[in-house]
């Protein structure tokens, strides 16, 4: 069981993502937090990250690792493709 509500995660997730953002921006990419549901952070990668063959590595080795280090080891991250409804994706997961 996760210790924090989705609402309680909003601020810490934002702070954690801001630690990763400079690395994404340096490579021409960016990230947007779309929402949080059941301790899963739904994000959209932007700029050079879109279509990059290494985006899944960035998601796991940079973004997820930062969230798990800063917040909780059980937090998850899910990439949402442009135009996809993250709330519908959350319902399926």
Protein backbone atom coordinates (compact mmCIF):
# COMPACT_ATOMS: atom_id res chain seq x y z
CA UNK A 1 0.00 0.00 0.00
CA UNK A 2 1.27 3.42 -0.96
CA UNK A 3 1.61 5.90 1.91
CA UNK A 4 0.61 9.07 0.07
CA UNK A 5 -2.52 10.18 -1.74
CA UNK A 6 -2.29 11.34 -5.34
CA UNK A 7 -2.95 14.89 -4.14
CA UNK A 8 -0.11 14.70 -1.59
CA UNK A 9 2.25 13.60 -4.36
CA UNK A 10 1.65 16.66 -6.56
CA UNK A 11 4.25 18.99 -5.00
CA UNK A 12 7.01 16.40 -4.41
CA UNK A 13 6.62 15.04 -7.95
CA UNK A 14 6.91 18.55 -9.38
CA UNK A 15 10.09 19.20 -7.37
CA UNK A 16 11.59 15.87 -8.39
CA UNK A 17 10.82 16.38 -12.10
CA UNK A 18 12.43 19.82 -11.96
CA UNK A 19 15.71 18.12 -11.01
CA UNK A 20 15.63 16.10 -14.25
CA UNK A 21 14.29 18.82 -16.54
CA UNK A 22 17.66 20.61 -17.12
CA UNK A 23 19.14 17.40 -18.57
CA UNK A 24 16.19 17.03 -20.93
CA UNK A 25 16.34 20.68 -21.97
CA UNK A 26 20.08 20.38 -22.66
CA UNK A 27 19.30 17.72 -25.25
CA UNK A 28 16.41 19.66 -26.80
CA UNK A 29 13.67 17.80 -24.94
CA UNK A 30 11.25 18.54 -22.13
CA UNK A 31 8.65 16.86 -19.92
CA UNK A 32 5.12 17.70 -18.83
CA UNK A 33 3.40 16.13 -15.84
CA UNK A 34 -0.12 15.27 -16.97
CA UNK A 35 -1.40 13.82 -13.72
CA UNK A 36 -1.02 11.27 -10.95
CA UNK A 37 -3.30 8.30 -10.35
CA UNK A 38 -2.67 5.47 -7.88
CA UNK A 39 0.96 6.51 -7.33
CA UNK A 40 1.69 6.45 -11.06
CA UNK A 41 2.94 9.70 -12.56
CA UNK A 42 1.73 10.21 -16.14
CA UNK A 43 4.11 12.30 -18.22
CA UNK A 44 4.48 13.44 -21.80
CA UNK A 45 7.95 13.82 -23.23
CA UNK A 46 8.34 16.72 -25.64
CA UNK A 47 10.76 18.23 -28.12
CA UNK A 48 13.70 16.04 -29.10
CA UNK A 49 12.47 13.31 -26.73
CA UNK A 50 9.49 12.62 -29.00
CA UNK A 51 10.36 9.70 -31.19
CA UNK A 52 13.84 9.34 -29.68
CA UNK A 53 14.89 5.70 -29.53
CA UNK A 54 16.38 6.35 -26.08
CA UNK A 55 13.29 7.94 -24.50
CA UNK A 56 12.41 4.71 -22.65
CA UNK A 57 15.91 4.75 -21.12
CA UNK A 58 15.49 8.38 -20.09
CA UNK A 59 12.13 7.51 -18.57
CA UNK A 60 13.52 4.62 -16.54
CA UNK A 61 17.08 5.68 -15.72
CA UNK A 62 16.52 9.38 -15.14
CA UNK A 63 12.90 10.23 -14.44
CA UNK A 64 11.75 7.11 -12.59
CA UNK A 65 14.99 6.82 -10.64
CA UNK A 66 14.71 10.46 -9.50
CA UNK A 67 11.09 9.99 -8.41
CA UNK A 68 11.91 6.79 -6.52
CA UNK A 69 14.93 8.37 -4.84
CA UNK A 70 13.12 11.55 -3.84
CA UNK A 71 9.67 10.20 -2.98
CA UNK A 72 9.20 6.44 -2.62
CA UNK A 73 10.63 3.29 -4.22
CA UNK A 74 7.14 2.10 -5.23
CA UNK A 75 6.18 5.16 -7.27
CA UNK A 76 5.79 4.53 -11.00
CA UNK A 77 5.97 6.63 -14.14
CA UNK A 78 4.04 6.11 -17.37
CA UNK A 79 4.80 7.87 -20.64
CA UNK A 80 1.75 9.16 -22.48
CA UNK A 81 1.99 9.75 -26.22
CA UNK A 82 0.89 13.09 -27.68
CA UNK A 83 -2.86 13.13 -28.16
CA UNK A 84 -3.43 10.19 -25.82
CA UNK A 85 -5.77 10.75 -22.85
CA UNK A 86 -3.81 9.96 -19.70
CA UNK A 87 -7.01 9.48 -17.68
CA UNK A 88 -8.17 6.75 -20.06
CA UNK A 89 -4.75 5.14 -19.85
CA UNK A 90 -4.92 5.28 -16.03
CA UNK A 91 -8.30 3.50 -16.10
CA UNK A 92 -6.77 0.62 -18.07
CA UNK A 93 -3.78 0.26 -15.75
